[in-house]
């Protein structure tokens, strides 16, 4: 798999590139936001994942993430020292697919890279049927992977859509956290649990329906079908 590493620290980039190469990745190193955007022009874009450090010298990392998302659907993993939920939600709203917080474990990073790389497979939830799911003002088009609320389209990342589609196909049913992680992220890695929490929070924010996804303490989540 080709991977675009956006990192301004050459020593960090060299060490990380060596690790990634040992695990079979072909790494292209971009030292700035501008270099990253040049590498992602359509005629050259063949990357499986973009690993984006937010501390760049020329542009704000969040801004670069937004620009990347406008020109490619390649999964983006943000690397940040900010561990607060708001910062993570902000990144997801801009189109990032996942994040890792510094300092991170190499095994964690590799697990996240492999998890997001599976997003090139359409409709990972395995949802059956060719129609749409309608839940009050919420409409989920499974074939086109489009979501709208009250007729207004809501832009979701691939994993946000997969998570919403999974819950929406059985409203009221409680999905265990382990089950969601297995079906949406296709992994049993325990560290993905925090990612699940952030994606749920992001969905509530984007859909402007905070009561849509209910947290069942100690178990998991369920979708509460809106009445109108």
C-alpha atoms as a PDB file:
ATOM      1  CA  UNK A   1       0.000   0.000   0.000  1.00  0.00           C
ATOM      2  CA  UNK A   2       1.174   3.519  -0.802  1.00  0.00           C
ATOM      3  CA  UNK A   3       1.017   5.903   2.132  1.00  0.00           C
ATOM      4  CA  UNK A   4       1.471   9.678   2.159  1.00  0.00           C
ATOM      5  CA  UNK A   5       3.233  10.805   5.332  1.00  0.00           C
ATOM      6  CA  UNK A   6       2.821  14.531   6.009  1.00  0.00           C
ATOM      7  CA  UNK A   7       5.397  15.398   8.671  1.00  0.00           C
ATOM      8  CA  UNK A   8       7.740  18.407   8.880  1.00  0.00           C
ATOM      9  CA  UNK A   9      10.242  16.783  11.260  1.00  0.00           C
ATOM     10  CA  UNK A  10      12.702  14.864   9.062  1.00  0.00           C
ATOM     11  CA  UNK A  11      14.020  12.719  11.931  1.00  0.00           C
ATOM     12  CA  UNK A  12      10.514  11.634  12.960  1.00  0.00           C
ATOM     13  CA  UNK A  13       9.579  11.010   9.335  1.00  0.00           C
ATOM     14  CA  UNK A  14      12.688   8.922   8.663  1.00  0.00           C
ATOM     15  CA  UNK A  15      12.136   6.713  11.708  1.00  0.00           C
ATOM     16  CA  UNK A  16       8.436   6.263  10.996  1.00  0.00           C
ATOM     17  CA  UNK A  17       9.042   5.608   7.291  1.00  0.00           C
ATOM     18  CA  UNK A  18      11.497   2.855   8.194  1.00  0.00           C
ATOM     19  CA  UNK A  19       8.933   1.188  10.471  1.00  0.00           C
ATOM     20  CA  UNK A  20       6.181   1.468   7.878  1.00  0.00           C
ATOM     21  CA  UNK A  21       8.457   0.093   5.155  1.00  0.00           C
ATOM     22  CA  UNK A  22       9.168  -2.975   7.296  1.00  0.00           C
ATOM     23  CA  UNK A  23       5.411  -3.566   7.389  1.00  0.00           C
ATOM     24  CA  UNK A  24       5.062  -3.400   3.624  1.00  0.00           C
ATOM     25  CA  UNK A  25       4.138   0.259   3.062  1.00  0.00           C
ATOM     26  CA  UNK A  26       5.528   2.391   0.259  1.00  0.00           C
ATOM     27  CA  UNK A  27       5.926   5.770   1.932  1.00  0.00           C
ATOM     28  CA  UNK A  28       5.976   9.172   0.248  1.00  0.00           C
ATOM     29  CA  UNK A  29       7.115  11.950   2.587  1.00  0.00           C
ATOM     30  CA  UNK A  30       5.657  15.462   2.342  1.00  0.00           C
ATOM     31  CA  UNK A  31       7.232  18.103   4.609  1.00  0.00           C
ATOM     32  CA  UNK A  32       4.475  20.692   4.372  1.00  0.00           C
ATOM     33  CA  UNK A  33       0.815  21.099   3.601  1.00  0.00           C
ATOM     34  CA  UNK A  34       1.634  22.416   0.138  1.00  0.00           C
ATOM     35  CA  UNK A  35       3.806  19.380  -0.667  1.00  0.00           C
ATOM     36  CA  UNK A  36       1.008  17.094   0.493  1.00  0.00           C
ATOM     37  CA  UNK A  37      -1.577  18.804  -1.687  1.00  0.00           C
ATOM     38  CA  UNK A  38       0.737  18.627  -4.714  1.00  0.00           C
ATOM     39  CA  UNK A  39       1.196  14.895  -4.117  1.00  0.00           C
ATOM     40  CA  UNK A  40      -2.568  14.382  -4.118  1.00  0.00           C
ATOM     41  CA  UNK A  41      -3.359  15.816  -7.541  1.00  0.00           C
ATOM     42  CA  UNK A  42      -5.712  13.429  -9.414  1.00  0.00           C
ATOM     43  CA  UNK A  43      -3.157  12.232 -11.955  1.00  0.00           C
ATOM     44  CA  UNK A  44      -0.733  11.191  -9.177  1.00  0.00           C
ATOM     45  CA  UNK A  45      -3.091  10.142  -6.409  1.00  0.00           C
ATOM     46  CA  UNK A  46      -2.667   6.452  -5.750  1.00  0.00           C
ATOM     47  CA  UNK A  47      -2.361   6.515  -1.973  1.00  0.00           C
ATOM     48  CA  UNK A  48      -4.224   4.150   0.302  1.00  0.00           C
ATOM     49  CA  UNK A  49      -3.940   6.382   3.395  1.00  0.00           C
ATOM     50  CA  UNK A  50      -2.777   9.887   4.280  1.00  0.00           C
ATOM     51  CA  UNK A  51      -1.067  10.205   7.664  1.00  0.00           C
ATOM     52  CA  UNK A  52      -1.367  13.910   8.473  1.00  0.00           C
ATOM     53  CA  UNK A  53       0.526  15.592  11.312  1.00  0.00           C
ATOM     54  CA  UNK A  54      -1.323  18.748  12.326  1.00  0.00           C
ATOM     55  CA  UNK A  55       1.808  20.702  13.329  1.00  0.00           C
ATOM     56  CA  UNK A  56       2.865  21.870   9.865  1.00  0.00           C
ATOM     57  CA  UNK A  57       5.104  24.888   9.142  1.00  0.00           C
ATOM     58  CA  UNK A  58       3.143  26.491   6.307  1.00  0.00           C
ATOM     59  CA  UNK A  59      -0.570  25.831   6.939  1.00  0.00           C
ATOM     60  CA  UNK A  60      -2.894  24.855   9.742  1.00  0.00           C
ATOM     61  CA  UNK A  61      -3.235  21.081   9.764  1.00  0.00           C
ATOM     62  CA  UNK A  62      -7.020  21.243  10.007  1.00  0.00           C
ATOM     63  CA  UNK A  63      -7.088  23.489   6.935  1.00  0.00           C
ATOM     64  CA  UNK A  64      -4.919  21.019   5.034  1.00  0.00           C
ATOM     65  CA  UNK A  65      -7.256  18.193   6.042  1.00  0.00           C
ATOM     66  CA  UNK A  66     -10.226  20.090   4.608  1.00  0.00           C
ATOM     67  CA  UNK A  67      -8.382  20.736   1.339  1.00  0.00           C
ATOM     68  CA  UNK A  68      -7.358  17.088   1.062  1.00  0.00           C
ATOM     69  CA  UNK A  69     -10.934  15.961   1.519  1.00  0.00           C
ATOM     70  CA  UNK A  70     -12.122  18.266  -1.282  1.00  0.00           C
ATOM     71  CA  UNK A  71      -9.812  16.654  -3.807  1.00  0.00           C
ATOM     72  CA  UNK A  72      -9.721  12.996  -2.811  1.00  0.00           C
ATOM     73  CA  UNK A  73     -11.631  10.362  -0.841  1.00  0.00           C
ATOM     74  CA  UNK A  74      -8.398   8.764   0.392  1.00  0.00           C
ATOM     75  CA  UNK A  75      -8.724   8.010   4.127  1.00  0.00           C
ATOM     76  CA  UNK A  76      -6.964  10.572   6.343  1.00  0.00           C
ATOM     77  CA  UNK A  77      -5.557   9.833   9.794  1.00  0.00           C
ATOM     78  CA  UNK A  78      -4.734  12.937  11.807  1.00  0.00           C
ATOM     79  CA  UNK A  79      -1.768  12.897  14.174  1.00  0.00           C
ATOM     80  CA  UNK A  80      -2.189  15.387  16.982  1.00  0.00           C
ATOM     81  CA  UNK A  81      -1.029  16.187  20.488  1.00  0.00           C
ATOM     82  CA  UNK A  82      -4.536  17.408  21.333  1.00  0.00           C
ATOM     83  CA  UNK A  83      -6.456  14.737  23.195  1.00  0.00           C
ATOM     84  CA  UNK A  84      -9.682  16.637  23.929  1.00  0.00           C
ATOM     85  CA  UNK A  85     -12.860  15.386  22.274  1.00  0.00           C
ATOM     86  CA  UNK A  86     -13.732  18.761  20.714  1.00  0.00           C
ATOM     87  CA  UNK A  87     -10.499  18.840  18.730  1.00  0.00           C
ATOM     88  CA  UNK A  88     -11.109  15.319  17.481  1.00  0.00           C
ATOM     89  CA  UNK A  89     -14.695  16.074  16.495  1.00  0.00           C
ATOM     90  CA  UNK A  90     -13.481  19.175  14.650  1.00  0.00           C
ATOM     91  CA  UNK A  91     -11.078  17.035  12.661  1.00  0.00           C
ATOM     92  CA  UNK A  92     -13.764  14.462  11.851  1.00  0.00           C
ATOM     93  CA  UNK A  93     -16.128  17.225  10.743  1.00  0.00           C
ATOM     94  CA  UNK A  94     -13.460  18.403   8.304  1.00  0.00           C
ATOM     95  CA  UNK A  95     -13.320  14.941   6.769  1.00  0.00           C
ATOM     96  CA  UNK A  96     -10.672  13.047   8.728  1.00  0.00           C
ATOM     97  CA  UNK A  97     -11.404   9.348   9.091  1.00  0.00           C
ATOM     98  CA  UNK A  98      -9.474   8.736  12.301  1.00  0.00           C
ATOM     99  CA  UNK A  99      -6.817  10.183  14.584  1.00  0.00           C
ATOM    100  CA  UNK A 100      -3.934   9.156  16.792  1.00  0.00           C
ATOM    101  CA  UNK A 101      -2.743  11.157  19.784  1.00  0.00           C
ATOM    102  CA  UNK A 102       0.951  11.725  20.477  1.00  0.00           C
ATOM    103  CA  UNK A 103       2.780   9.927  21.893  1.00  0.00           C
ATOM    104  CA  UNK A 104       1.338   6.855  20.195  1.00  0.00           C
ATOM    105  CA  UNK A 105       2.293   3.206  20.095  1.00  0.00           C
ATOM    106  CA  UNK A 106       3.460   1.925  16.705  1.00  0.00           C
ATOM    107  CA  UNK A 107       1.118  -1.030  16.979  1.00  0.00           C
ATOM    108  CA  UNK A 108      -1.794   1.338  17.535  1.00  0.00           C
ATOM    109  CA  UNK A 109      -0.840   3.390  14.490  1.00  0.00           C
ATOM    110  CA  UNK A 110      -0.559   0.301  12.267  1.00  0.00           C
ATOM    111  CA  UNK A 111      -3.922  -0.975  13.498  1.00  0.00           C
ATOM    112  CA  UNK A 112      -5.590   2.313  12.639  1.00  0.00           C
ATOM    113  CA  UNK A 113      -3.944   2.453   9.195  1.00  0.00           C
ATOM    114  CA  UNK A 114      -5.180  -1.038   8.352  1.00  0.00           C
ATOM    115  CA  UNK A 115      -8.648  -0.234   9.695  1.00  0.00           C
ATOM    116  CA  UNK A 116      -9.177   2.918   7.624  1.00  0.00           C
ATOM    117  CA  UNK A 117      -7.648   1.374   4.501  1.00  0.00           C
ATOM    118  CA  UNK A 118     -10.598  -1.027   4.347  1.00  0.00           C
ATOM    119  CA  UNK A 119     -12.856   1.940   3.651  1.00  0.00           C
ATOM    120  CA  UNK A 120     -12.194   1.697  -0.059  1.00  0.00           C
ATOM    121  CA  UNK A 121     -14.607  -1.243  -0.021  1.00  0.00           C
ATOM    122  CA  UNK A 122     -18.100   0.190  -0.558  1.00  0.00           C
ATOM    123  CA  UNK A 123     -20.872  -0.406   1.954  1.00  0.00           C
ATOM    124  CA  UNK A 124     -18.814  -2.169   4.604  1.00  0.00           C
ATOM    125  CA  UNK A 125     -21.843  -2.618   6.814  1.00  0.00           C
ATOM    126  CA  UNK A 126     -23.137  -5.314   4.502  1.00  0.00           C
ATOM    127  CA  UNK A 127     -26.597  -3.747   4.552  1.00  0.00           C
ATOM    128  CA  UNK A 128     -29.139  -5.620   2.471  1.00  0.00           C
ATOM    129  CA  UNK A 129     -31.705  -4.118   0.141  1.00  0.00           C
ATOM    130  CA  UNK A 130     -31.657  -1.428  -2.512  1.00  0.00           C
ATOM    131  CA  UNK A 131     -33.880   1.204  -0.903  1.00  0.00           C
ATOM    132  CA  UNK A 132     -33.526   3.897   1.683  1.00  0.00           C
ATOM    133  CA  UNK A 133     -33.992   3.863   5.427  1.00  0.00           C
ATOM    134  CA  UNK A 134     -36.456   6.532   6.574  1.00  0.00           C
ATOM    135  CA  UNK A 135     -36.596   7.500  10.228  1.00  0.00           C
ATOM    136  CA  UNK A 136     -38.657  10.642  10.660  1.00  0.00           C
ATOM    137  CA  UNK A 137     -36.745  13.475   8.971  1.00  0.00           C
ATOM    138  CA  UNK A 138     -33.680  11.265   8.648  1.00  0.00           C
ATOM    139  CA  UNK A 139     -33.169   9.505   5.302  1.00  0.00           C
ATOM    140  CA  UNK A 140     -30.295   7.087   4.682  1.00  0.00           C
ATOM    141  CA  UNK A 141     -29.677   6.065   1.074  1.00  0.00           C
ATOM    142  CA  UNK A 142     -27.831   2.763   1.304  1.00  0.00           C
ATOM    143  CA  UNK A 143     -26.912   2.402  -2.423  1.00  0.00           C
ATOM    144  CA  UNK A 144     -25.487   5.920  -2.736  1.00  0.00           C
ATOM    145  CA  UNK A 145     -24.347   6.224   0.887  1.00  0.00           C
ATOM    146  CA  UNK A 146     -26.067   9.591   1.178  1.00  0.00           C
ATOM    147  CA  UNK A 147     -27.698  10.923   4.327  1.00  0.00           C
ATOM    148  CA  UNK A 148     -30.152  13.796   4.597  1.00  0.00           C
ATOM    149  CA  UNK A 149     -32.177  15.401   7.384  1.00  0.00           C
ATOM    150  CA  UNK A 150     -35.318  17.254   6.387  1.00  0.00           C
ATOM    151  CA  UNK A 151     -34.179  17.152   2.769  1.00  0.00           C
ATOM    152  CA  UNK A 152     -30.767  18.681   3.486  1.00  0.00           C
ATOM    153  CA  UNK A 153     -27.786  16.476   2.688  1.00  0.00           C
ATOM    154  CA  UNK A 154     -25.372  15.851   5.570  1.00  0.00           C
ATOM    155  CA  UNK A 155     -21.757  15.062   4.684  1.00  0.00           C
ATOM    156  CA  UNK A 156     -20.440  12.063   6.619  1.00  0.00           C
ATOM    157  CA  UNK A 157     -17.160  10.215   6.527  1.00  0.00           C
ATOM    158  CA  UNK A 158     -17.221   6.583   5.468  1.00  0.00           C
ATOM    159  CA  UNK A 159     -17.056   5.227   8.995  1.00  0.00           C
ATOM    160  CA  UNK A 160     -19.695   7.676  10.232  1.00  0.00           C
ATOM    161  CA  UNK A 161     -22.027   6.419   7.507  1.00  0.00           C
ATOM    162  CA  UNK A 162     -21.235   2.779   8.268  1.00  0.00           C
ATOM    163  CA  UNK A 163     -21.926   3.327  11.962  1.00  0.00           C
ATOM    164  CA  UNK A 164     -25.205   5.150  11.333  1.00  0.00           C
ATOM    165  CA  UNK A 165     -26.388   2.588   8.784  1.00  0.00           C
ATOM    166  CA  UNK A 166     -25.643  -0.278  11.153  1.00  0.00           C
ATOM    167  CA  UNK A 167     -27.652   1.230  14.002  1.00  0.00           C
ATOM    168  CA  UNK A 168     -30.475   2.473  11.742  1.00  0.00           C
ATOM    169  CA  UNK A 169     -31.205  -0.925  10.254  1.00  0.00           C
ATOM    170  CA  UNK A 170     -32.404  -2.125  13.660  1.00  0.00           C
ATOM    171  CA  UNK A 171     -33.810   0.899  15.537  1.00  0.00           C
ATOM    172  CA  UNK A 172     -34.216   0.323  19.256  1.00  0.00           C
ATOM    173  CA  UNK A 173     -31.831  -2.634  19.306  1.00  0.00           C
ATOM    174  CA  UNK A 174     -28.833  -2.224  21.592  1.00  0.00           C
ATOM    175  CA  UNK A 175     -25.542  -2.919  19.824  1.00  0.00           C
ATOM    176  CA  UNK A 176     -22.672  -3.911  22.061  1.00  0.00           C
ATOM    177  CA  UNK A 177     -19.537  -1.815  21.672  1.00  0.00           C
ATOM    178  CA  UNK A 178     -17.553  -4.907  20.710  1.00  0.00           C
ATOM    179  CA  UNK A 179     -20.105  -5.777  18.027  1.00  0.00           C
ATOM    180  CA  UNK A 180     -20.032  -2.286  16.525  1.00  0.00           C
ATOM    181  CA  UNK A 181     -16.239  -2.236  16.457  1.00  0.00           C
ATOM    182  CA  UNK A 182     -16.188  -5.657  14.837  1.00  0.00           C
ATOM    183  CA  UNK A 183     -18.766  -4.839  12.149  1.00  0.00           C
ATOM    184  CA  UNK A 184     -17.770  -1.252  11.350  1.00  0.00           C
ATOM    185  CA  UNK A 185     -14.015  -1.224  11.995  1.00  0.00           C
ATOM    186  CA  UNK A 186     -13.537  -4.940  11.262  1.00  0.00           C
ATOM    187  CA  UNK A 187     -11.244  -5.359  14.215  1.00  0.00           C
ATOM    188  CA  UNK A 188     -11.390  -6.542  17.805  1.00  0.00           C
ATOM    189  CA  UNK A 189      -8.624  -4.197  18.906  1.00  0.00           C
ATOM    190  CA  UNK A 190      -9.679  -2.701  22.218  1.00  0.00           C
ATOM    191  CA  UNK A 191      -8.188   0.727  21.564  1.00  0.00           C
ATOM    192  CA  UNK A 192     -10.797   1.400  18.869  1.00  0.00           C
ATOM    193  CA  UNK A 193     -13.374   2.006  21.604  1.00  0.00           C
ATOM    194  CA  UNK A 194     -12.346   5.623  22.023  1.00  0.00           C
ATOM    195  CA  UNK A 195     -12.664   6.142  18.285  1.00  0.00           C
ATOM    196  CA  UNK A 196     -16.220   4.803  18.498  1.00  0.00           C
ATOM    197  CA  UNK A 197     -17.109   7.382  21.153  1.00  0.00           C
ATOM    198  CA  UNK A 198     -15.784  10.226  19.021  1.00  0.00           C
ATOM    199  CA  UNK A 199     -17.648   9.024  15.912  1.00  0.00           C
ATOM    200  CA  UNK A 200     -20.912   8.823  17.877  1.00  0.00           C
ATOM    201  CA  UNK A 201     -20.382  12.368  19.166  1.00  0.00           C
ATOM    202  CA  UNK A 202     -19.591  13.562  15.646  1.00  0.00           C
ATOM    203  CA  UNK A 203     -22.767  11.981  14.245  1.00  0.00           C
ATOM    204  CA  UNK A 204     -24.907  13.624  16.908  1.00  0.00           C
ATOM    205  CA  UNK A 205     -23.320  16.965  16.060  1.00  0.00           C
ATOM    206  CA  UNK A 206     -23.521  16.688  12.267  1.00  0.00           C
ATOM    207  CA  UNK A 207     -27.107  15.421  12.214  1.00  0.00           C
ATOM    208  CA  UNK A 208     -28.131  17.945  14.886  1.00  0.00           C
ATOM    209  CA  UNK A 209     -30.062  15.160  16.556  1.00  0.00           C
ATOM    210  CA  UNK A 210     -28.331  14.624  19.926  1.00  0.00           C
ATOM    211  CA  UNK A 211     -30.998  12.163  21.107  1.00  0.00           C
ATOM    212  CA  UNK A 212     -30.819   9.994  17.978  1.00  0.00           C
ATOM    213  CA  UNK A 213     -28.074   7.694  19.280  1.00  0.00           C
ATOM    214  CA  UNK A 214     -28.557   6.669  22.880  1.00  0.00           C
ATOM    215  CA  UNK A 215     -25.701   5.494  25.052  1.00  0.00           C
ATOM    216  CA  UNK A 216     -26.592   2.362  26.992  1.00  0.00           C
ATOM    217  CA  UNK A 217     -24.176   2.594  29.876  1.00  0.00           C
ATOM    218  CA  UNK A 218     -21.847  -0.352  30.191  1.00  0.00           C
ATOM    219  CA  UNK A 219     -23.214  -2.026  27.060  1.00  0.00           C
ATOM    220  CA  UNK A 220     -23.160   0.032  23.877  1.00  0.00           C
ATOM    221  CA  UNK A 221     -25.447   2.172  21.720  1.00  0.00           C
ATOM    222  CA  UNK A 222     -28.860   2.094  20.088  1.00  0.00           C
ATOM    223  CA  UNK A 223     -30.643   4.302  17.618  1.00  0.00           C
ATOM    224  CA  UNK A 224     -33.843   5.888  18.896  1.00  0.00           C
ATOM    225  CA  UNK A 225     -36.121   6.368  15.889  1.00  0.00           C
ATOM    226  CA  UNK A 226     -37.358   9.964  15.702  1.00  0.00           C
ATOM    227  CA  UNK A 227     -41.145  10.375  15.634  1.00  0.00           C
ATOM    228  CA  UNK A 228     -41.111  13.253  13.148  1.00  0.00           C
END
